[in-house]
């Protein structure tokens, strides 16, 4: 699944509820998920890590949609030519 497809899927599932909560409230949920990812990283359990990475990506996607940002396009613009600063891959900064 492409990142843009994932973002549209998350919009279809959650956008109305997340938009009603607003971007500041949705950001708080995102921050909580990042904390859960941190705990999963400390534990090192593969299944838990996969779920937490997916949750963080889903919350990031919904916030991007609320802000009118296409994540795939934004990533391509910023990182499509390598490091945004030196343009090298891997980074040579």
PDB file of N, CA and C in Angstrom:
ATOM      1  N   UNK A   1       0.850  -1.174   0.000  1.00  0.00           N
ATOM      2  CA  UNK A   1       0.000   0.000   0.000  1.00  0.00           C
ATOM      3  C   UNK A   1       0.895   1.236   0.000  1.00  0.00           C
ATOM      4  N   UNK A   2       0.606   2.171  -0.880  1.00  0.00           N
ATOM      5  CA  UNK A   2       1.340   3.437  -0.913  1.00  0.00           C
ATOM      6  C   UNK A   2       0.908   4.317   0.252  1.00  0.00           C
ATOM      7  N   UNK A   3       1.767   5.241   0.603  1.00  0.00           N
ATOM      8  CA  UNK A   3       1.465   6.135   1.713  1.00  0.00           C
ATOM      9  C   UNK A   3       0.192   6.941   1.449  1.00  0.00           C
ATOM     10  N   UNK A   4      -0.011   7.387   0.226  1.00  0.00           N
ATOM     11  CA  UNK A   4      -1.222   8.155  -0.091  1.00  0.00           C
ATOM     12  C   UNK A   4      -2.474   7.278   0.047  1.00  0.00           C
ATOM     13  N   UNK A   5      -2.380   6.004  -0.319  1.00  0.00           N
ATOM     14  CA  UNK A   5      -3.510   5.086  -0.150  1.00  0.00           C
ATOM     15  C   UNK A   5      -3.814   4.889   1.332  1.00  0.00           C
ATOM     16  N   UNK A   6      -2.767   4.747   2.134  1.00  0.00           N
ATOM     17  CA  UNK A   6      -2.957   4.591   3.573  1.00  0.00           C
ATOM     18  C   UNK A   6      -3.618   5.835   4.164  1.00  0.00           C
ATOM     19  N   UNK A   7      -3.163   7.000   3.745  1.00  0.00           N
ATOM     20  CA  UNK A   7      -3.746   8.244   4.265  1.00  0.00           C
ATOM     21  C   UNK A   7      -5.225   8.322   3.915  1.00  0.00           C
ATOM     22  N   UNK A   8      -5.595   7.964   2.707  1.00  0.00           N
ATOM     23  CA  UNK A   8      -7.013   7.971   2.315  1.00  0.00           C
ATOM     24  C   UNK A   8      -7.822   6.943   3.114  1.00  0.00           C
ATOM     25  N   UNK A   9      -7.227   5.779   3.369  1.00  0.00           N
ATOM     26  CA  UNK A   9      -7.913   4.756   4.160  1.00  0.00           C
ATOM     27  C   UNK A   9      -8.177   5.265   5.576  1.00  0.00           C
ATOM     28  N   UNK A  10      -7.190   5.885   6.192  1.00  0.00           N
ATOM     29  CA  UNK A  10      -7.357   6.419   7.545  1.00  0.00           C
ATOM     30  C   UNK A  10      -8.402   7.529   7.535  1.00  0.00           C
ATOM     31  N   UNK A  11      -8.425   8.351   6.486  1.00  0.00           N
ATOM     32  CA  UNK A  11      -9.476   9.380   6.357  1.00  0.00           C
ATOM     33  C   UNK A  11     -10.856   8.724   6.350  1.00  0.00           C
ATOM     34  N   UNK A  12     -11.001   7.674   5.563  1.00  0.00           N
ATOM     35  CA  UNK A  12     -12.304   7.003   5.455  1.00  0.00           C
ATOM     36  C   UNK A  12     -12.741   6.420   6.789  1.00  0.00           C
ATOM     37  N   UNK A  13     -11.798   5.899   7.540  1.00  0.00           N
ATOM     38  CA  UNK A  13     -12.136   5.259   8.811  1.00  0.00           C
ATOM     39  C   UNK A  13     -12.379   6.280   9.924  1.00  0.00           C
ATOM     40  N   UNK A  14     -11.518   7.292  10.043  1.00  0.00           N
ATOM     41  CA  UNK A  14     -11.493   8.120  11.252  1.00  0.00           C
ATOM     42  C   UNK A  14     -11.685   9.625  11.058  1.00  0.00           C
ATOM     43  N   UNK A  15     -11.665  10.126   9.822  1.00  0.00           N
ATOM     44  CA  UNK A  15     -11.582  11.573   9.621  1.00  0.00           C
ATOM     45  C   UNK A  15     -12.674  12.360  10.341  1.00  0.00           C
ATOM     46  N   UNK A  16     -13.920  11.933  10.227  1.00  0.00           N
ATOM     47  CA  UNK A  16     -15.018  12.710  10.829  1.00  0.00           C
ATOM     48  C   UNK A  16     -14.831  12.862  12.333  1.00  0.00           C
ATOM     49  N   UNK A  17     -14.508  11.770  13.000  1.00  0.00           N
ATOM     50  CA  UNK A  17     -14.319  11.818  14.454  1.00  0.00           C
ATOM     51  C   UNK A  17     -13.099  12.665  14.816  1.00  0.00           C
ATOM     52  N   UNK A  18     -12.002  12.475  14.076  1.00  0.00           N
ATOM     53  CA  UNK A  18     -10.782  13.233  14.371  1.00  0.00           C
ATOM     54  C   UNK A  18     -10.969  14.718  14.084  1.00  0.00           C
ATOM     55  N   UNK A  19     -11.638  15.050  12.993  1.00  0.00           N
ATOM     56  CA  UNK A  19     -11.883  16.462  12.656  1.00  0.00           C
ATOM     57  C   UNK A  19     -12.760  17.123  13.707  1.00  0.00           C
ATOM     58  N   UNK A  20     -13.737  16.389  14.229  1.00  0.00           N
ATOM     59  CA  UNK A  20     -14.606  16.934  15.279  1.00  0.00           C
ATOM     60  C   UNK A  20     -13.808  17.219  16.548  1.00  0.00           C
ATOM     61  N   UNK A  21     -12.790  16.408  16.815  1.00  0.00           N
ATOM     62  CA  UNK A  21     -11.934  16.599  17.987  1.00  0.00           C
ATOM     63  C   UNK A  21     -11.008  17.792  17.784  1.00  0.00           C
ATOM     64  N   UNK A  22     -10.647  18.045  16.529  1.00  0.00           N
ATOM     65  CA  UNK A  22      -9.744  19.151  16.209  1.00  0.00           C
ATOM     66  C   UNK A  22      -8.289  18.715  16.211  1.00  0.00           C
ATOM     67  N   UNK A  23      -7.475  19.514  15.573  1.00  0.00           N
ATOM     68  CA  UNK A  23      -6.056  19.187  15.455  1.00  0.00           C
ATOM     69  C   UNK A  23      -5.339  19.180  16.808  1.00  0.00           C
ATOM     70  N   UNK A  24      -5.576  20.148  17.693  1.00  0.00           N
ATOM     71  CA  UNK A  24      -4.884  20.100  18.994  1.00  0.00           C
ATOM     72  C   UNK A  24      -5.228  18.842  19.800  1.00  0.00           C
ATOM     73  N   UNK A  25      -6.493  18.463  19.838  1.00  0.00           N
ATOM     74  CA  UNK A  25      -6.889  17.262  20.562  1.00  0.00           C
ATOM     75  C   UNK A  25      -6.357  15.996  19.916  1.00  0.00           C
ATOM     76  N   UNK A  26      -6.354  15.976  18.606  1.00  0.00           N
ATOM     77  CA  UNK A  26      -5.842  14.813  17.884  1.00  0.00           C
ATOM     78  C   UNK A  26      -4.336  14.686  18.100  1.00  0.00           C
ATOM     79  N   UNK A  27      -3.641  15.810  18.168  1.00  0.00           N
ATOM     80  CA  UNK A  27      -2.207  15.779  18.438  1.00  0.00           C
ATOM     81  C   UNK A  27      -1.924  15.133  19.805  1.00  0.00           C
ATOM     82  N   UNK A  28      -2.765  15.397  20.785  1.00  0.00           N
ATOM     83  CA  UNK A  28      -2.560  14.779  22.100  1.00  0.00           C
ATOM     84  C   UNK A  28      -2.650  13.259  22.013  1.00  0.00           C
ATOM     85  N   UNK A  29      -3.597  12.755  21.225  1.00  0.00           N
ATOM     86  CA  UNK A  29      -3.700  11.306  21.022  1.00  0.00           C
ATOM     87  C   UNK A  29      -2.461  10.778  20.303  1.00  0.00           C
ATOM     88  N   UNK A  30      -1.987  11.528  19.314  1.00  0.00           N
ATOM     89  CA  UNK A  30      -0.759  11.151  18.593  1.00  0.00           C
ATOM     90  C   UNK A  30       0.416  11.056  19.570  1.00  0.00           C
ATOM     91  N   UNK A  31       0.564  12.049  20.429  1.00  0.00           N
ATOM     92  CA  UNK A  31       1.658  12.059  21.396  1.00  0.00           C
ATOM     93  C   UNK A  31       1.576  10.847  22.326  1.00  0.00           C
ATOM     94  N   UNK A  32       0.366  10.485  22.712  1.00  0.00           N
ATOM     95  CA  UNK A  32       0.183   9.301  23.552  1.00  0.00           C
ATOM     96  C   UNK A  32       0.647   8.042  22.819  1.00  0.00           C
ATOM     97  N   UNK A  33       0.316   7.949  21.537  1.00  0.00           N
ATOM     98  CA  UNK A  33       0.743   6.798  20.741  1.00  0.00           C
ATOM     99  C   UNK A  33       2.260   6.747  20.601  1.00  0.00           C
ATOM    100  N   UNK A  34       2.899   7.914  20.477  1.00  0.00           N
ATOM    101  CA  UNK A  34       4.363   7.939  20.412  1.00  0.00           C
ATOM    102  C   UNK A  34       4.939   7.399  21.721  1.00  0.00           C
ATOM    103  N   UNK A  35       4.315   7.733  22.839  1.00  0.00           N
ATOM    104  CA  UNK A  35       4.742   7.186  24.119  1.00  0.00           C
ATOM    105  C   UNK A  35       4.599   5.675  24.164  1.00  0.00           C
ATOM    106  N   UNK A  36       3.516   5.151  23.607  1.00  0.00           N
ATOM    107  CA  UNK A  36       3.325   3.696  23.562  1.00  0.00           C
ATOM    108  C   UNK A  36       4.379   3.043  22.675  1.00  0.00           C
ATOM    109  N   UNK A  37       4.747   3.716  21.587  1.00  0.00           N
ATOM    110  CA  UNK A  37       5.814   3.212  20.720  1.00  0.00           C
ATOM    111  C   UNK A  37       7.139   3.192  21.483  1.00  0.00           C
ATOM    112  N   UNK A  38       7.388   4.215  22.261  1.00  0.00           N
ATOM    113  CA  UNK A  38       8.609   4.269  23.064  1.00  0.00           C
ATOM    114  C   UNK A  38       8.691   3.071  24.006  1.00  0.00           C
ATOM    115  N   UNK A  39       7.591   2.778  24.679  1.00  0.00           N
ATOM    116  CA  UNK A  39       7.563   1.617  25.580  1.00  0.00           C
ATOM    117  C   UNK A  39       7.794   0.310  24.806  1.00  0.00           C
ATOM    118  N   UNK A  40       7.187   0.196  23.648  1.00  0.00           N
ATOM    119  CA  UNK A  40       7.358  -1.008  22.836  1.00  0.00           C
ATOM    120  C   UNK A  40       8.812  -1.156  22.373  1.00  0.00           C
ATOM    121  N   UNK A  41       9.448  -0.051  22.029  1.00  0.00           N
ATOM    122  CA  UNK A  41      10.858  -0.103  21.632  1.00  0.00           C
ATOM    123  C   UNK A  41      11.728  -0.590  22.783  1.00  0.00           C
ATOM    124  N   UNK A  42      11.419  -0.144  23.975  1.00  0.00           N
ATOM    125  CA  UNK A  42      12.182  -0.588  25.145  1.00  0.00           C
ATOM    126  C   UNK A  42      12.013  -2.084  25.382  1.00  0.00           C
ATOM    127  N   UNK A  43      10.828  -2.596  25.143  1.00  0.00           N
ATOM    128  CA  UNK A  43      10.550  -4.023  25.365  1.00  0.00           C
ATOM    129  C   UNK A  43      11.095  -4.900  24.249  1.00  0.00           C
ATOM    130  N   UNK A  44      11.154  -4.349  23.032  1.00  0.00           N
ATOM    131  CA  UNK A  44      11.697  -5.078  21.899  1.00  0.00           C
ATOM    132  C   UNK A  44      10.841  -6.219  21.382  1.00  0.00           C
ATOM    133  N   UNK A  45       9.546  -6.204  21.673  1.00  0.00           N
ATOM    134  CA  UNK A  45       8.671  -7.275  21.198  1.00  0.00           C
ATOM    135  C   UNK A  45       8.155  -6.931  19.805  1.00  0.00           C
ATOM    136  N   UNK A  46       8.460  -7.789  18.841  1.00  0.00           N
ATOM    137  CA  UNK A  46       8.181  -7.540  17.424  1.00  0.00           C
ATOM    138  C   UNK A  46       6.707  -7.229  17.145  1.00  0.00           C
ATOM    139  N   UNK A  47       5.796  -8.055  17.613  1.00  0.00           N
ATOM    140  CA  UNK A  47       4.368  -7.844  17.337  1.00  0.00           C
ATOM    141  C   UNK A  47       3.888  -6.521  17.925  1.00  0.00           C
ATOM    142  N   UNK A  48       4.318  -6.229  19.121  1.00  0.00           N
ATOM    143  CA  UNK A  48       3.934  -4.973  19.761  1.00  0.00           C
ATOM    144  C   UNK A  48       4.496  -3.776  18.982  1.00  0.00           C
ATOM    145  N   UNK A  49       5.745  -3.886  18.535  1.00  0.00           N
ATOM    146  CA  UNK A  49       6.368  -2.814  17.761  1.00  0.00           C
ATOM    147  C   UNK A  49       5.597  -2.541  16.477  1.00  0.00           C
ATOM    148  N   UNK A  50       5.244  -3.592  15.754  1.00  0.00           N
ATOM    149  CA  UNK A  50       4.522  -3.409  14.490  1.00  0.00           C
ATOM    150  C   UNK A  50       3.216  -2.655  14.711  1.00  0.00           C
ATOM    151  N   UNK A  51       2.470  -3.040  15.726  1.00  0.00           N
ATOM    152  CA  UNK A  51       1.206  -2.376  16.013  1.00  0.00           C
ATOM    153  C   UNK A  51       1.379  -0.923  16.405  1.00  0.00           C
ATOM    154  N   UNK A  52       2.395  -0.636  17.215  1.00  0.00           N
ATOM    155  CA  UNK A  52       2.608   0.737  17.661  1.00  0.00           C
ATOM    156  C   UNK A  52       3.112   1.627  16.529  1.00  0.00           C
ATOM    157  N   UNK A  53       4.001   1.100  15.671  1.00  0.00           N
ATOM    158  CA  UNK A  53       4.422   1.881  14.505  1.00  0.00           C
ATOM    159  C   UNK A  53       3.222   2.188  13.616  1.00  0.00           C
ATOM    160  N   UNK A  54       2.340   1.209  13.415  1.00  0.00           N
ATOM    161  CA  UNK A  54       1.147   1.419  12.594  1.00  0.00           C
ATOM    162  C   UNK A  54       0.232   2.465  13.216  1.00  0.00           C
ATOM    163  N   UNK A  55       0.078   2.421  14.545  1.00  0.00           N
ATOM    164  CA  UNK A  55      -0.765   3.417  15.224  1.00  0.00           C
ATOM    165  C   UNK A  55      -0.200   4.821  15.068  1.00  0.00           C
ATOM    166  N   UNK A  56       1.108   4.974  15.246  1.00  0.00           N
ATOM    167  CA  UNK A  56       1.732   6.293  15.106  1.00  0.00           C
ATOM    168  C   UNK A  56       1.544   6.804  13.678  1.00  0.00           C
ATOM    169  N   UNK A  57       1.741   5.931  12.703  1.00  0.00           N
ATOM    170  CA  UNK A  57       1.551   6.331  11.308  1.00  0.00           C
ATOM    171  C   UNK A  57       0.104   6.737  11.043  1.00  0.00           C
ATOM    172  N   UNK A  58      -0.852   6.011  11.608  1.00  0.00           N
ATOM    173  CA  UNK A  58      -2.268   6.337  11.414  1.00  0.00           C
ATOM    174  C   UNK A  58      -2.606   7.706  12.007  1.00  0.00           C
ATOM    175  N   UNK A  59      -2.129   7.980  13.217  1.00  0.00           N
ATOM    176  CA  UNK A  59      -2.402   9.285  13.831  1.00  0.00           C
ATOM    177  C   UNK A  59      -1.706  10.400  13.066  1.00  0.00           C
ATOM    178  N   UNK A  60      -0.488  10.147  12.570  1.00  0.00           N
ATOM    179  CA  UNK A  60       0.212  11.143  11.761  1.00  0.00           C
ATOM    180  C   UNK A  60      -0.559  11.409  10.471  1.00  0.00           C
ATOM    181  N   UNK A  61      -1.066  10.352   9.851  1.00  0.00           N
ATOM    182  CA  UNK A  61      -1.828  10.494   8.612  1.00  0.00           C
ATOM    183  C   UNK A  61      -3.097  11.296   8.832  1.00  0.00           C
ATOM    184  N   UNK A  62      -3.798  11.051   9.929  1.00  0.00           N
ATOM    185  CA  UNK A  62      -5.043  11.785  10.161  1.00  0.00           C
ATOM    186  C   UNK A  62      -4.761  13.259  10.427  1.00  0.00           C
ATOM    187  N   UNK A  63      -3.671  13.556  11.151  1.00  0.00           N
ATOM    188  CA  UNK A  63      -3.330  14.969  11.377  1.00  0.00           C
ATOM    189  C   UNK A  63      -2.930  15.650  10.074  1.00  0.00           C
ATOM    190  N   UNK A  64      -2.199  14.942   9.224  1.00  0.00           N
ATOM    191  CA  UNK A  64      -1.826  15.509   7.927  1.00  0.00           C
ATOM    192  C   UNK A  64      -3.078  15.811   7.106  1.00  0.00           C
ATOM    193  N   UNK A  65      -4.026  14.901   7.102  1.00  0.00           N
ATOM    194  CA  UNK A  65      -5.280  15.134   6.372  1.00  0.00           C
ATOM    195  C   UNK A  65      -6.007  16.352   6.920  1.00  0.00           C
ATOM    196  N   UNK A  66      -6.063  16.457   8.241  1.00  0.00           N
ATOM    197  CA  UNK A  66      -6.742  17.595   8.857  1.00  0.00           C
ATOM    198  C   UNK A  66      -6.061  18.911   8.488  1.00  0.00           C
ATOM    199  N   UNK A  67      -4.743  18.872   8.293  1.00  0.00           N
ATOM    200  CA  UNK A  67      -3.983  20.073   7.942  1.00  0.00           C
ATOM    201  C   UNK A  67      -3.906  20.290   6.436  1.00  0.00           C
ATOM    202  N   UNK A  68      -4.509  19.383   5.658  1.00  0.00           N
ATOM    203  CA  UNK A  68      -4.496  19.528   4.204  1.00  0.00           C
ATOM    204  C   UNK A  68      -3.163  19.167   3.563  1.00  0.00           C
ATOM    205  N   UNK A  69      -2.417  18.268   4.200  1.00  0.00           N
ATOM    206  CA  UNK A  69      -1.102  17.867   3.700  1.00  0.00           C
ATOM    207  C   UNK A  69      -1.163  16.439   3.190  1.00  0.00           C
ATOM    208  N   UNK A  70      -0.704  16.223   1.967  1.00  0.00           N
ATOM    209  CA  UNK A  70      -0.563  14.886   1.395  1.00  0.00           C
ATOM    210  C   UNK A  70       0.805  14.374   1.839  1.00  0.00           C
ATOM    211  N   UNK A  71       0.818  13.371   2.716  1.00  0.00           N
ATOM    212  CA  UNK A  71       2.077  12.880   3.272  1.00  0.00           C
ATOM    213  C   UNK A  71       3.039  12.368   2.205  1.00  0.00           C
ATOM    214  N   UNK A  72       2.531  11.653   1.233  1.00  0.00           N
ATOM    215  CA  UNK A  72       3.404  11.103   0.195  1.00  0.00           C
ATOM    216  C   UNK A  72       4.076  12.223  -0.594  1.00  0.00           C
ATOM    217  N   UNK A  73       3.292  13.228  -0.961  1.00  0.00           N
ATOM    218  CA  UNK A  73       3.844  14.364  -1.705  1.00  0.00           C
ATOM    219  C   UNK A  73       4.848  15.138  -0.849  1.00  0.00           C
ATOM    220  N   UNK A  74       4.525  15.349   0.415  1.00  0.00           N
ATOM    221  CA  UNK A  74       5.425  16.074   1.310  1.00  0.00           C
ATOM    222  C   UNK A  74       6.747  15.328   1.474  1.00  0.00           C
ATOM    223  N   UNK A  75       6.669  14.013   1.638  1.00  0.00           N
ATOM    224  CA  UNK A  75       7.889  13.213   1.794  1.00  0.00           C
ATOM    225  C   UNK A  75       8.723  13.246   0.517  1.00  0.00           C
ATOM    226  N   UNK A  76       8.057  13.147  -0.620  1.00  0.00           N
ATOM    227  CA  UNK A  76       8.758  13.189  -1.907  1.00  0.00           C
ATOM    228  C   UNK A  76       9.465  14.528  -2.091  1.00  0.00           C
ATOM    229  N   UNK A  77       8.768  15.634  -1.771  1.00  0.00           N
ATOM    230  CA  UNK A  77       9.364  16.963  -1.924  1.00  0.00           C
ATOM    231  C   UNK A  77      10.576  17.148  -1.018  1.00  0.00           C
ATOM    232  N   UNK A  78      10.463  16.681   0.211  1.00  0.00           N
ATOM    233  CA  UNK A  78      11.541  16.922   1.174  1.00  0.00           C
ATOM    234  C   UNK A  78      12.697  15.934   1.037  1.00  0.00           C
ATOM    235  N   UNK A  79      12.404  14.646   0.793  1.00  0.00           N
ATOM    236  CA  UNK A  79      13.440  13.616   0.818  1.00  0.00           C
ATOM    237  C   UNK A  79      13.657  12.902  -0.512  1.00  0.00           C
ATOM    238  N   UNK A  80      12.946  13.286  -1.549  1.00  0.00           N
ATOM    239  CA  UNK A  80      13.015  12.595  -2.835  1.00  0.00           C
ATOM    240  C   UNK A  80      14.368  12.638  -3.507  1.00  0.00           C
ATOM    241  N   UNK A  81      15.201  13.586  -3.140  1.00  0.00           N
ATOM    242  CA  UNK A  81      16.536  13.702  -3.740  1.00  0.00           C
ATOM    243  C   UNK A  81      17.630  13.374  -2.735  1.00  0.00           C
ATOM    244  N   UNK A  82      17.260  12.692  -1.665  1.00  0.00           N
ATOM    245  CA  UNK A  82      18.246  12.359  -0.634  1.00  0.00           C
ATOM    246  C   UNK A  82      18.117  13.307   0.540  1.00  0.00           C
ATOM    247  N   UNK A  83      19.202  13.483   1.238  1.00  0.00           N
ATOM    248  CA  UNK A  83      19.219  14.369   2.402  1.00  0.00           C
ATOM    249  C   UNK A  83      18.791  15.771   1.977  1.00  0.00           C
ATOM    250  N   UNK A  84      17.829  16.382   2.687  1.00  0.00           N
ATOM    251  CA  UNK A  84      17.372  17.721   2.306  1.00  0.00           C
ATOM    252  C   UNK A  84      18.474  18.775   2.356  1.00  0.00           C
ATOM    253  N   UNK A  85      19.505  18.517   3.130  1.00  0.00           N
ATOM    254  CA  UNK A  85      20.571  19.509   3.294  1.00  0.00           C
ATOM    255  C   UNK A  85      21.682  19.348   2.276  1.00  0.00           C
ATOM    256  N   UNK A  86      22.170  18.092   2.092  1.00  0.00           N
ATOM    257  CA  UNK A  86      23.327  17.872   1.202  1.00  0.00           C
ATOM    258  C   UNK A  86      22.953  17.122  -0.074  1.00  0.00           C
ATOM    259  N   UNK A  87      21.725  16.651  -0.179  1.00  0.00           N
ATOM    260  CA  UNK A  87      21.207  15.894  -1.335  1.00  0.00           C
ATOM    261  C   UNK A  87      21.888  14.540  -1.543  1.00  0.00           C
ATOM    262  N   UNK A  88      22.683  14.097  -0.604  1.00  0.00           N
ATOM    263  CA  UNK A  88      23.369  12.811  -0.748  1.00  0.00           C
ATOM    264  C   UNK A  88      22.560  11.688  -0.116  1.00  0.00           C
ATOM    265  N   UNK A  89      22.771  10.472  -0.655  1.00  0.00           N
ATOM    266  CA  UNK A  89      22.190   9.256  -0.091  1.00  0.00           C
ATOM    267  C   UNK A  89      23.300   8.211  -0.080  1.00  0.00           C
ATOM    268  N   UNK A  90      23.793   7.834   1.096  1.00  0.00           N
ATOM    269  CA  UNK A  90      23.413   8.311   2.407  1.00  0.00           C
ATOM    270  C   UNK A  90      23.894   9.732   2.655  1.00  0.00           C
ATOM    271  N   UNK A  91      23.337  10.327   3.684  1.00  0.00           N
ATOM    272  CA  UNK A  91      23.669  11.699   4.040  1.00  0.00           C
ATOM    273  C   UNK A  91      25.168  11.853   4.258  1.00  0.00           C
ATOM    274  N   UNK A  92      25.707  12.951   3.737  1.00  0.00           N
ATOM    275  CA  UNK A  92      27.137  13.250   3.897  1.00  0.00           C
ATOM    276  C   UNK A  92      27.372  14.466   4.775  1.00  0.00           C
ATOM    277  N   UNK A  93      26.317  14.963   5.389  1.00  0.00           N
ATOM    278  CA  UNK A  93      26.452  16.152   6.236  1.00  0.00           C
ATOM    279  C   UNK A  93      27.365  15.885   7.432  1.00  0.00           C
TER     280      UNK A  93
END
